[in-house]
Amino acid sequence: MSKYDIIVLGSGPGGYVTAIRASQLGFKVAVVEKESLGGVCLNWGCIPTKALLKSAQVFEYLKHASDYGLSVKEYDKDFDAVVNRSRNVAEGMSKGVQFLMKKNKIDVIKGFGKLKPGKKVEVDGKDYSADHIIVATGARSRELPSLPQDGKKVIGYREAMTLKKQPKKMIVVGSGAIGVEFAYFYNAMGTDVTIVEYLPNVVPVEDIDVSKQLEKSFKKSGIKIMTSAEVTKVDTSGSGVKATVKTSKGEEVLEADLVLSAVGIKTNIEGIGLEDVGIAVDRDKILVNDFYQTNIPGYYAIGDVTPGQALAHVASAEGILCVEKIAGQHVEALDYGNIPGCTYASPEIASVGLTEKQAKDQGLDIKVGKFPFSASGKASAAGTKDGFVKVIFDAKYGEWLGCHMIGAGVTDMIAEAVLGRKLETTGHEVLKAVHPHPTMSEAVMEAVAAAYGEVIHL
C-alpha cells in the first residue's frame, strides 16, 4: 500500500492548490482525480467561460466599431471557432496544472477515490493511506424536479459551453453568476435570450442598486427578464422546448430551442465513502471546524463541499489554510465576511462586505457614497459609461462595511476594497490615498468622497 503524508481527493482550484502548498511545506502528497486536472473551474467553469465572454465582447466591439470612429465593413462570427478557442484555453490551463504537479513532485492518481476508515483512500480497487486526507470534490449543476436536465434541450453549464450549434432562442433559468454570464454571451452572439428568476431581482445576492443597474443594462441590450417567476414544467416533445412560467399575473408559455438551468450547484459527496467513515454531513455539506477538520480525526474537507461560499478563490484559500494548520503554523480562521464575489457578464459585477440593506438591517449608522461611471473620464473615453461604484462606511468609526461595483473591468478593481477592509482602512484613509487619473479605479476614491460630502466630479 502506498503511504503519503497528505492525500487530496479532487484537483480543482481547491485541490491542486492545497496539494502544491502541502508539497511546499515538505509533505509527501498525492492527488486523486477522476477527470481532468484543474477540476470544473479550469475545464468547465471559471476559465473557459471567460474565454467565451471575451469572444462575445470582441464581437460587440466589431458591431459598435462606428462608435469609436472606425469602419468595419464585413465581420461575422464562427460559433464553432469561438467554442474551440474556449476549449483550447481550458486545455492549456489544465496542462499548466500537470506541469505544476510534476514541478512540486505530487503524485497524480487517476480514478474515482473513495474514503475508507483508518485514513485510507481506495482508487479503482487499490488502497492508499495517508496521515491526512482532504476532500475537495467540488460541485456540479443542480437539477430542479420541475426542470430535469436531458443534456440536449434542458442543459446545464457544461453543455452550454460546448453546443455544436448556436440556438436562435434560449431560456435561462436563474440569474446568479452562471445564469447572467451565459445570458450575456448568447445574447451578444445573437441568440434571443429570456432570463427567468424566482426572486424579485436578478443577481439576488447583490446590492439592490447593482441588481437594478444590471437589469437596465441587459434590457438595453435586448435580453428579456422575468422576475418573481418560476418555471413549473417543460415540454420537450416537439422540435424545441415549451416552458410554463408562473408569474404574479398567471401562467405564460415560452417557446425556445433550449433551456439552460442555472439554479445553483449540488455538491459531489455521493459515493465517496463519507458514511463508511462516519463523517458528519448537513444539508448537502460536509461539516468542518475553522481549520477544515471534519468530526473524524485525519479527515478534512474544503471548497464547495463545505458550508462557505462556493467560489474558486475561497476553495484555494481554505486549502492553503488547512495544510498550514496541519504543518503547525500559526494561522487565522478565514474571514468569510471579506470574500469578494465577481460576475463576468457585461457590465461586470464585483462586491465585498455588507449591502446597504444588510447594514441597515443590522441597525448600523452608515454613510453611503455612489459614483457613476457616466462621470468618469476613463469610462467616457472607453465608451463604457454603464454602472457605478457604491461604498458603505460606518458613520461613527469610518469602517469600510461594503463595496459594490458594476461596470467595465470592475472585477479587477474590487481587490482594493478587500485589502482595505482586511487592513481596517477607514474612509478618510481611502480618500487621502491618491488614485491615478484617468482610470476606472479612481471611481472608488470618488465614491468615498461622495459618502463624506467631498465629491469633486459630481
Protein backbone atom coordinates (compact mmCIF):
# COMPACT_ATOMS: atom_id res chain seq x y z
CA MET A 1 0.00 0.00 0.00
CA SER A 2 1.32 3.44 -0.99
CA LYS A 3 1.74 5.75 2.01
CA TYR A 4 1.56 9.54 1.93
CA ASP A 5 1.52 12.40 4.41
CA ILE A 6 -1.45 14.01 2.63
CA ILE A 7 -3.89 12.74 0.00
CA VAL A 8 -6.18 15.27 -1.66
CA LEU A 9 -9.40 13.99 -3.22
CA GLY A 10 -10.11 16.23 -6.25
CA SER A 11 -7.85 18.53 -8.27
CA GLY A 12 -9.93 21.69 -8.75
CA PRO A 13 -8.72 25.12 -7.60
CA GLY A 14 -9.21 23.86 -4.05
CA GLY A 15 -7.48 20.51 -4.50
CA TYR A 16 -4.49 21.31 -6.68
CA VAL A 17 -3.64 24.50 -4.77
CA THR A 18 -3.87 22.55 -1.48
CA ALA A 19 -1.55 19.86 -2.85
CA ILE A 20 1.05 22.39 -4.03
CA ARG A 21 1.07 24.26 -0.72
CA ALA A 22 1.37 20.95 1.15
CA SER A 23 4.35 19.98 -1.01
CA GLN A 24 5.97 23.37 -0.37
CA LEU A 25 5.61 22.66 3.36
CA GLY A 26 7.57 19.41 2.95
CA PHE A 27 4.76 16.86 2.89
CA LYS A 28 4.65 13.81 0.59
CA VAL A 29 1.47 14.44 -1.39
CA ALA A 30 -0.87 12.67 -3.79
CA VAL A 31 -3.93 13.97 -5.65
CA VAL A 32 -6.79 11.73 -6.76
CA GLU A 33 -8.68 12.90 -9.87
CA LYS A 34 -11.31 11.05 -11.92
CA GLU A 35 -11.43 13.51 -14.82
CA SER A 36 -9.06 16.32 -15.86
CA LEU A 37 -6.61 18.13 -13.61
CA GLY A 38 -7.94 21.57 -12.67
CA GLY A 39 -11.48 20.36 -11.97
CA VAL A 40 -14.61 22.23 -13.05
CA CYS A 41 -13.05 25.70 -12.70
CA LEU A 42 -10.25 25.19 -15.21
CA ASN A 43 -12.08 22.80 -17.54
CA TRP A 44 -15.78 23.69 -17.37
CA GLY A 45 -16.16 26.84 -15.29
CA CYS A 46 -14.21 29.98 -14.47
CA ILE A 47 -11.56 29.86 -17.19
CA PRO A 48 -13.30 28.62 -20.38
CA THR A 49 -16.37 30.78 -19.70
CA LYS A 50 -14.14 33.84 -19.57
CA ALA A 51 -12.75 32.85 -22.98
CA LEU A 52 -16.31 32.68 -24.35
CA LEU A 53 -17.16 36.04 -22.80
CA LYS A 54 -14.06 37.64 -24.32
CA SER A 55 -15.12 36.45 -27.79
CA ALA A 56 -18.57 37.95 -27.19
CA GLN A 57 -17.01 41.23 -26.06
CA VAL A 58 -14.79 41.43 -29.16
CA PHE A 59 -17.82 40.67 -31.36
CA GLU A 60 -19.70 43.51 -29.65
CA TYR A 61 -16.75 45.86 -30.32
CA LEU A 62 -16.98 44.97 -34.02
CA LYS A 63 -20.72 45.66 -34.01
CA HIS A 64 -20.12 49.08 -32.43
CA ALA A 65 -16.91 49.98 -34.28
CA SER A 66 -18.54 53.13 -35.66
CA ASP A 67 -18.95 54.42 -32.09
CA TYR A 68 -15.13 54.63 -32.00
CA GLY A 69 -14.79 56.32 -35.37
CA LEU A 70 -13.88 53.07 -37.11
CA SER A 71 -15.40 51.43 -40.15
CA VAL A 72 -15.59 47.63 -40.27
CA LYS A 73 -17.49 46.71 -43.42
CA GLU A 74 -17.58 42.94 -43.07
CA TYR A 75 -17.49 40.87 -39.93
CA ASP A 76 -19.14 37.68 -38.76
CA LYS A 77 -18.88 35.06 -36.06
CA ASP A 78 -17.87 31.42 -36.27
CA PHE A 79 -19.64 29.80 -33.33
CA ASP A 80 -17.59 26.58 -33.59
CA ALA A 81 -14.34 28.55 -33.60
CA VAL A 82 -15.45 30.52 -30.53
CA VAL A 83 -16.22 27.28 -28.65
CA ASN A 84 -12.95 25.69 -29.82
CA ARG A 85 -10.93 28.69 -28.63
CA SER A 86 -12.56 28.32 -25.20
CA ARG A 87 -11.72 24.59 -25.08
CA ASN A 88 -8.12 25.29 -26.14
CA VAL A 89 -7.73 27.86 -23.35
CA ALA A 90 -9.07 25.30 -20.84
CA GLU A 91 -6.75 22.60 -22.20
CA GLY A 92 -3.75 24.91 -21.88
CA MET A 93 -4.60 25.69 -18.26
CA SER A 94 -5.07 22.01 -17.43
CA LYS A 95 -1.64 21.25 -18.92
CA GLY A 96 -0.28 24.02 -16.73
CA VAL A 97 -1.60 22.19 -13.65
CA GLN A 98 0.02 18.95 -14.89
CA PHE A 99 3.33 20.82 -15.05
CA LEU A 100 2.82 22.18 -11.53
CA MET A 101 2.14 18.66 -10.20
CA LYS A 102 5.44 17.42 -11.67
CA LYS A 103 7.35 20.50 -10.54
CA ASN A 104 6.15 20.02 -6.97
CA LYS A 105 6.69 16.21 -7.03
CA ILE A 106 3.00 15.47 -6.40
CA ASP A 107 1.72 12.02 -7.41
CA VAL A 108 -1.44 12.12 -9.52
CA ILE A 109 -3.65 9.06 -9.03
CA LYS A 110 -6.20 8.78 -11.85
CA GLY A 111 -9.61 7.33 -10.96
CA PHE A 112 -12.56 7.65 -8.61
CA GLY A 113 -11.48 7.93 -4.99
CA LYS A 114 -13.46 6.53 -2.09
CA LEU A 115 -12.70 7.23 1.58
CA LYS A 116 -12.23 4.28 3.91
CA PRO A 117 -11.84 4.09 7.68
CA GLY A 118 -8.28 4.07 9.03
CA LYS A 119 -7.15 7.03 6.90
CA LYS A 120 -7.29 5.22 3.58
CA VAL A 121 -8.50 6.09 0.09
CA GLU A 122 -9.48 3.39 -2.38
CA VAL A 123 -8.98 4.16 -6.08
CA ASP A 124 -10.12 1.54 -8.59
CA GLY A 125 -9.64 -1.31 -6.13
CA LYS A 126 -6.24 -0.19 -4.79
CA ASP A 127 -5.79 1.30 -1.32
CA TYR A 128 -3.64 4.33 -0.50
CA SER A 129 -3.04 5.57 3.04
CA ALA A 130 -2.16 8.99 4.46
CA ASP A 131 -1.89 10.75 7.82
CA HIS A 132 -4.27 13.40 6.49
CA ILE A 133 -6.97 13.07 3.81
CA ILE A 134 -8.53 16.23 2.37
CA VAL A 135 -11.84 16.08 0.47
CA ALA A 136 -12.05 18.67 -2.33
CA THR A 137 -14.54 17.04 -4.71
CA GLY A 138 -16.41 20.26 -5.60
CA ALA A 139 -19.90 20.53 -7.05
CA ARG A 140 -21.98 20.25 -10.22
CA SER A 141 -25.08 21.85 -11.73
CA ARG A 142 -28.14 21.40 -9.50
CA GLU A 143 -31.30 19.96 -11.02
CA LEU A 144 -34.82 21.07 -10.12
CA PRO A 145 -37.63 18.46 -10.10
CA SER A 146 -39.60 20.69 -12.48
CA LEU A 147 -36.56 21.11 -14.74
CA PRO A 148 -34.81 17.75 -15.26
CA GLN A 149 -31.72 18.09 -17.47
CA ASP A 150 -31.54 15.83 -20.52
CA GLY A 151 -28.32 17.36 -21.85
CA LYS A 152 -29.96 18.29 -25.16
CA LYS A 153 -32.97 20.58 -24.72
CA VAL A 154 -32.64 21.23 -20.98
CA ILE A 155 -28.96 21.75 -20.29
CA GLY A 156 -26.52 22.72 -17.54
CA TYR A 157 -23.40 24.89 -17.77
CA ARG A 158 -21.24 22.10 -19.24
CA GLU A 159 -23.42 21.66 -22.30
CA ALA A 160 -23.87 25.46 -22.60
CA MET A 161 -20.11 25.78 -23.16
CA THR A 162 -19.84 23.22 -25.95
CA LEU A 163 -23.03 23.47 -28.03
CA LYS A 164 -22.50 22.28 -31.59
CA LYS A 165 -24.99 24.81 -32.92
CA GLN A 166 -25.91 28.28 -31.66
CA PRO A 167 -29.58 28.37 -30.56
CA LYS A 168 -31.88 31.02 -32.04
CA LYS A 169 -33.87 31.26 -28.78
CA MET A 170 -32.79 30.37 -25.26
CA ILE A 171 -34.41 30.50 -21.81
CA VAL A 172 -32.01 30.91 -18.89
CA VAL A 173 -33.48 29.82 -15.55
CA GLY A 174 -31.69 31.50 -12.65
CA SER A 175 -29.81 34.81 -12.62
CA GLY A 176 -26.83 34.12 -10.41
CA ALA A 177 -23.33 34.46 -11.86
CA ILE A 178 -23.61 31.41 -14.15
CA GLY A 179 -27.03 32.42 -15.49
CA VAL A 180 -26.21 36.06 -16.29
CA GLU A 181 -22.80 35.24 -17.78
CA PHE A 182 -24.30 32.78 -20.26
CA ALA A 183 -27.25 35.12 -20.89
CA TYR A 184 -24.79 37.88 -21.84
CA PHE A 185 -22.67 35.56 -24.00
CA TYR A 186 -25.52 34.11 -26.05
CA ASN A 187 -27.30 37.46 -26.40
CA ALA A 188 -24.11 39.13 -27.62
CA MET A 189 -23.64 36.32 -30.16
CA GLY A 190 -27.15 36.91 -31.49
CA THR A 191 -29.39 34.48 -29.60
CA ASP A 192 -32.79 35.71 -28.37
CA VAL A 193 -32.42 35.30 -24.57
CA THR A 194 -35.01 35.34 -21.78
CA ILE A 195 -33.96 35.16 -18.11
CA VAL A 196 -36.43 33.67 -15.61
CA GLU A 197 -35.62 34.49 -11.96
CA TYR A 198 -37.61 33.15 -9.00
CA LEU A 199 -36.73 36.08 -6.71
CA PRO A 200 -37.81 39.74 -7.22
CA ASN A 201 -34.41 40.86 -8.58
CA VAL A 202 -31.72 39.50 -10.89
CA VAL A 203 -28.36 38.68 -9.24
CA PRO A 204 -30.31 38.49 -5.97
CA VAL A 205 -27.27 38.28 -3.65
CA GLU A 206 -26.04 41.68 -4.83
CA ASP A 207 -26.90 45.16 -3.54
CA ILE A 208 -30.31 46.22 -4.88
CA ASP A 209 -28.79 49.15 -6.83
CA VAL A 210 -26.49 46.70 -8.66
CA SER A 211 -29.44 44.41 -9.48
CA LYS A 212 -31.42 47.33 -10.91
CA GLN A 213 -28.46 48.54 -13.00
CA LEU A 214 -27.81 45.08 -14.46
CA GLU A 215 -31.48 44.66 -15.37
CA LYS A 216 -31.42 48.08 -17.06
CA SER A 217 -28.21 47.27 -18.99
CA PHE A 218 -29.43 43.81 -20.01
CA LYS A 219 -32.80 45.10 -21.22
CA LYS A 220 -30.99 47.78 -23.23
CA SER A 221 -29.00 45.01 -24.95
CA GLY A 222 -32.19 43.09 -25.78
CA ILE A 223 -32.31 40.46 -23.03
CA LYS A 224 -35.83 39.81 -21.74
CA ILE A 225 -36.12 39.49 -17.96
CA MET A 226 -38.89 37.87 -15.92
CA THR A 227 -38.50 38.24 -12.13
CA SER A 228 -40.70 36.73 -9.38
CA ALA A 229 -41.23 33.97 -11.92
CA GLU A 230 -40.93 30.19 -11.78
CA VAL A 231 -40.64 27.51 -14.45
CA THR A 232 -43.19 24.90 -13.31
CA LYS A 233 -42.80 22.45 -16.20
CA VAL A 234 -41.06 21.95 -19.54
CA ASP A 235 -42.34 20.14 -22.59
CA THR A 236 -39.51 18.78 -24.77
CA SER A 237 -41.67 16.60 -27.01
CA GLY A 238 -41.58 18.96 -30.01
CA SER A 239 -38.67 20.28 -32.04
CA GLY A 240 -37.85 22.80 -29.30
CA VAL A 241 -38.91 23.45 -25.72
CA LYS A 242 -42.09 24.86 -24.24
CA ALA A 243 -41.57 26.18 -20.71
CA THR A 244 -44.54 27.00 -18.49
CA VAL A 245 -43.66 30.04 -16.39
CA LYS A 246 -45.76 31.01 -13.36
CA THR A 247 -45.83 34.73 -12.52
CA SER A 248 -47.97 37.01 -10.36
CA LYS A 249 -50.09 37.67 -13.46
CA GLY A 250 -50.72 33.97 -14.11
CA GLU A 251 -49.09 31.36 -16.34
CA GLU A 252 -47.24 32.01 -19.56
CA VAL A 253 -45.76 29.51 -22.03
CA LEU A 254 -42.37 30.42 -23.51
CA GLU A 255 -41.00 28.68 -26.58
CA ALA A 256 -37.29 28.27 -27.28
CA ASP A 257 -34.70 25.95 -28.79
CA LEU A 258 -33.40 25.04 -25.35
CA VAL A 259 -33.45 25.88 -21.64
CA LEU A 260 -30.29 26.49 -19.60
CA SER A 261 -30.80 25.55 -15.97
CA ALA A 262 -28.57 27.78 -13.81
CA VAL A 263 -30.27 27.35 -10.44
CA GLY A 264 -27.22 26.69 -8.30
CA ILE A 265 -25.00 23.75 -7.54
CA LYS A 266 -25.09 20.30 -5.92
CA THR A 267 -22.05 19.01 -4.01
CA ASN A 268 -20.19 15.92 -5.22
CA ILE A 269 -20.36 13.93 -2.00
CA GLU A 270 -22.25 10.83 -3.12
CA GLY A 271 -20.37 7.54 -3.22
CA ILE A 272 -17.11 8.88 -1.80
CA GLY A 273 -17.35 6.92 1.45
CA LEU A 274 -18.46 9.62 3.91
CA GLU A 275 -20.97 7.24 5.52
CA ASP A 276 -18.38 4.42 5.79
CA VAL A 277 -16.00 6.70 7.67
CA GLY A 278 -18.76 8.39 9.72
CA ILE A 279 -18.10 11.94 8.51
CA ALA A 280 -20.92 14.33 9.51
CA VAL A 281 -22.92 15.99 6.73
CA ASP A 282 -25.72 18.56 6.99
CA ARG A 283 -27.89 19.69 4.08
CA ASP A 284 -25.53 18.54 1.33
CA LYS A 285 -22.42 19.99 3.03
CA ILE A 286 -19.60 18.35 4.98
CA LEU A 287 -19.36 19.87 8.45
CA VAL A 288 -15.92 21.23 9.37
CA ASN A 289 -14.33 23.45 12.02
CA ASP A 290 -12.46 26.72 11.38
CA PHE A 291 -9.48 24.78 10.04
CA TYR A 292 -11.48 22.34 7.89
CA GLN A 293 -11.23 19.28 10.13
CA THR A 294 -14.27 17.01 9.99
CA ASN A 295 -15.64 15.20 13.04
CA ILE A 296 -13.33 12.25 12.26
CA PRO A 297 -9.62 12.88 13.03
CA GLY A 298 -7.37 12.82 9.98
CA TYR A 299 -10.16 13.70 7.54
CA TYR A 300 -10.67 17.25 6.25
CA ALA A 301 -12.86 18.99 3.65
CA ILE A 302 -12.51 22.24 1.70
CA GLY A 303 -14.23 24.14 -1.10
CA ASP A 304 -17.74 23.70 -2.46
CA VAL A 305 -18.43 20.61 -0.31
CA THR A 306 -18.26 22.75 2.86
CA PRO A 307 -20.67 25.49 4.06
CA GLY A 308 -18.60 28.52 2.89
CA GLN A 309 -19.15 30.43 -0.38
CA ALA A 310 -18.83 28.16 -3.43
CA LEU A 311 -16.10 30.15 -5.18
CA ALA A 312 -12.76 29.05 -6.62
CA HIS A 313 -10.74 31.61 -4.64
CA VAL A 314 -12.45 30.51 -1.42
CA ALA A 315 -11.55 26.86 -2.04
CA SER A 316 -7.91 27.80 -2.69
CA ALA A 317 -7.70 29.93 0.47
CA GLU A 318 -9.33 27.19 2.57
CA GLY A 319 -6.93 24.54 1.26
CA ILE A 320 -3.83 26.63 1.97
CA LEU A 321 -5.09 27.43 5.46
CA CYS A 322 -5.92 23.75 6.09
CA VAL A 323 -2.44 22.41 5.26
CA GLU A 324 -0.65 25.26 7.03
CA LYS A 325 -2.59 24.33 10.17
CA ILE A 326 -1.63 20.66 9.68
CA ALA A 327 2.01 21.81 9.37
CA GLY A 328 1.72 23.51 12.78
CA GLN A 329 1.87 27.06 11.50
CA HIS A 330 0.02 29.86 13.29
CA VAL A 331 -2.97 30.60 11.07
CA GLU A 332 -6.10 32.68 11.49
CA ALA A 333 -9.55 31.44 10.51
CA LEU A 334 -10.80 32.76 7.16
CA ASP A 335 -12.99 35.87 7.32
CA TYR A 336 -16.00 34.87 5.19
CA GLY A 337 -17.35 38.41 5.51
CA ASN A 338 -14.46 39.69 3.39
CA ILE A 339 -14.73 37.39 0.39
CA PRO A 340 -15.16 39.18 -2.95
CA GLY A 341 -17.79 37.95 -5.39
CA CYS A 342 -17.41 38.55 -9.13
CA THR A 343 -19.71 38.14 -12.13
CA TYR A 344 -18.12 38.46 -15.56
CA ALA A 345 -21.05 39.47 -17.77
CA SER A 346 -21.01 42.88 -19.44
CA PRO A 347 -21.23 45.04 -17.40
CA GLU A 348 -19.18 43.13 -14.83
CA ILE A 349 -20.21 42.96 -11.17
CA ALA A 350 -17.90 42.84 -8.14
CA SER A 351 -18.73 43.17 -4.46
CA VAL A 352 -17.48 42.56 -0.96
CA GLY A 353 -18.91 43.06 2.51
CA LEU A 354 -22.37 44.25 3.51
CA THR A 355 -25.02 45.55 1.14
CA GLU A 356 -26.76 48.78 2.13
CA LYS A 357 -29.83 46.79 3.20
CA GLN A 358 -27.78 44.38 5.32
CA ALA A 359 -26.04 47.29 7.07
CA LYS A 360 -29.40 48.96 7.81
CA ASP A 361 -30.93 45.65 8.97
CA GLN A 362 -28.05 45.38 11.47
CA GLY A 363 -29.05 48.80 12.83
CA LEU A 364 -25.77 50.42 11.80
CA ASP A 365 -25.45 54.18 11.32
CA ILE A 366 -23.91 54.39 7.86
CA LYS A 367 -22.54 56.74 5.22
CA VAL A 368 -23.20 55.71 1.62
CA GLY A 369 -21.42 57.09 -1.43
CA LYS A 370 -22.00 56.35 -5.09
CA PHE A 371 -20.05 57.45 -8.15
CA PRO A 372 -21.44 56.70 -11.62
CA PHE A 373 -19.08 55.77 -14.45
CA SER A 374 -21.00 58.27 -16.60
CA ALA A 375 -18.97 60.92 -14.70
CA SER A 376 -15.66 59.08 -15.23
CA GLY A 377 -13.28 60.41 -17.90
CA LYS A 378 -11.74 56.97 -18.50
CA ALA A 379 -15.17 55.32 -18.85
CA SER A 380 -16.31 58.02 -21.30
CA ALA A 381 -13.14 57.63 -23.39
CA ALA A 382 -13.58 53.84 -23.40
CA GLY A 383 -17.27 54.01 -24.25
CA THR A 384 -18.19 52.05 -21.11
CA LYS A 385 -20.30 54.50 -19.12
CA ASP A 386 -22.81 51.99 -17.67
CA GLY A 387 -22.55 51.33 -13.96
CA PHE A 388 -21.10 52.79 -10.77
CA VAL A 389 -19.09 52.22 -7.61
CA LYS A 390 -21.01 52.24 -4.33
CA VAL A 391 -19.35 52.28 -0.90
CA ILE A 392 -20.76 51.88 2.60
CA PHE A 393 -18.99 53.10 5.74
CA ASP A 394 -19.77 53.02 9.43
CA ALA A 395 -20.61 56.66 10.29
CA LYS A 396 -19.03 56.55 13.74
CA TYR A 397 -15.74 54.75 13.18
CA GLY A 398 -15.23 55.06 9.42
CA GLU A 399 -15.05 51.26 8.99
CA TRP A 400 -15.42 50.16 5.36
CA LEU A 401 -18.51 47.96 5.59
CA GLY A 402 -19.13 47.19 1.94
CA CYS A 403 -18.22 47.96 -1.65
CA HIS A 404 -20.37 47.21 -4.70
CA MET A 405 -19.39 47.81 -8.31
CA ILE A 406 -20.98 47.30 -11.69
CA GLY A 407 -19.23 48.34 -14.89
CA ALA A 408 -16.36 47.56 -17.25
CA GLY A 409 -13.39 45.85 -15.58
CA VAL A 410 -14.70 46.12 -12.02
CA THR A 411 -13.70 42.52 -11.21
CA ASP A 412 -10.11 43.77 -11.41
CA MET A 413 -10.88 46.69 -9.09
CA ILE A 414 -12.60 45.01 -6.13
CA ALA A 415 -9.32 43.83 -4.56
CA GLU A 416 -8.70 47.40 -3.35
CA ALA A 417 -11.77 47.15 -1.13
CA VAL A 418 -10.88 43.62 0.04
CA LEU A 419 -7.37 44.70 1.04
CA GLY A 420 -8.63 47.95 2.57
CA ARG A 421 -11.14 46.08 4.72
CA LYS A 422 -8.51 43.49 5.72
CA LEU A 423 -6.22 46.31 6.90
CA GLU A 424 -9.15 48.04 8.68
CA THR A 425 -8.77 51.09 6.45
CA THR A 426 -11.10 54.00 7.19
CA GLY A 427 -12.99 56.12 4.68
CA HIS A 428 -10.68 59.09 5.24
CA GLU A 429 -7.60 56.95 4.54
CA VAL A 430 -9.06 55.80 1.20
CA LEU A 431 -9.93 59.40 0.41
CA LYS A 432 -6.39 60.58 1.10
CA ALA A 433 -4.74 57.75 -0.86
CA VAL A 434 -4.09 59.38 -4.25
CA HIS A 435 -5.67 57.42 -7.09
CA PRO A 436 -4.34 57.71 -10.66
CA HIS A 437 -6.24 59.74 -13.25
CA PRO A 438 -7.77 58.90 -15.64
CA THR A 439 -8.64 55.37 -14.50
CA MET A 440 -11.75 53.39 -13.69
CA SER A 441 -10.26 52.79 -10.22
CA GLU A 442 -10.44 56.46 -9.21
CA ALA A 443 -14.22 55.94 -9.08
CA VAL A 444 -13.56 54.17 -5.75
CA MET A 445 -11.98 57.32 -4.30
CA GLU A 446 -14.78 59.47 -5.80
CA ALA A 447 -17.47 57.21 -4.27
CA VAL A 448 -15.78 57.51 -0.87
CA ALA A 449 -15.65 61.29 -1.34
CA ALA A 450 -19.38 61.22 -2.11
CA ALA A 451 -20.01 59.32 1.16
CA TYR A 452 -18.21 62.08 3.09
CA GLY A 453 -19.71 65.03 1.19
CA GLU A 454 -16.43 65.85 -0.55
CA VAL A 455 -17.03 64.59 -4.08
CA ILE A 456 -15.47 66.78 -6.78
CA HIS A 457 -16.74 65.41 -10.07
CA LEU A 458 -20.47 65.14 -9.40
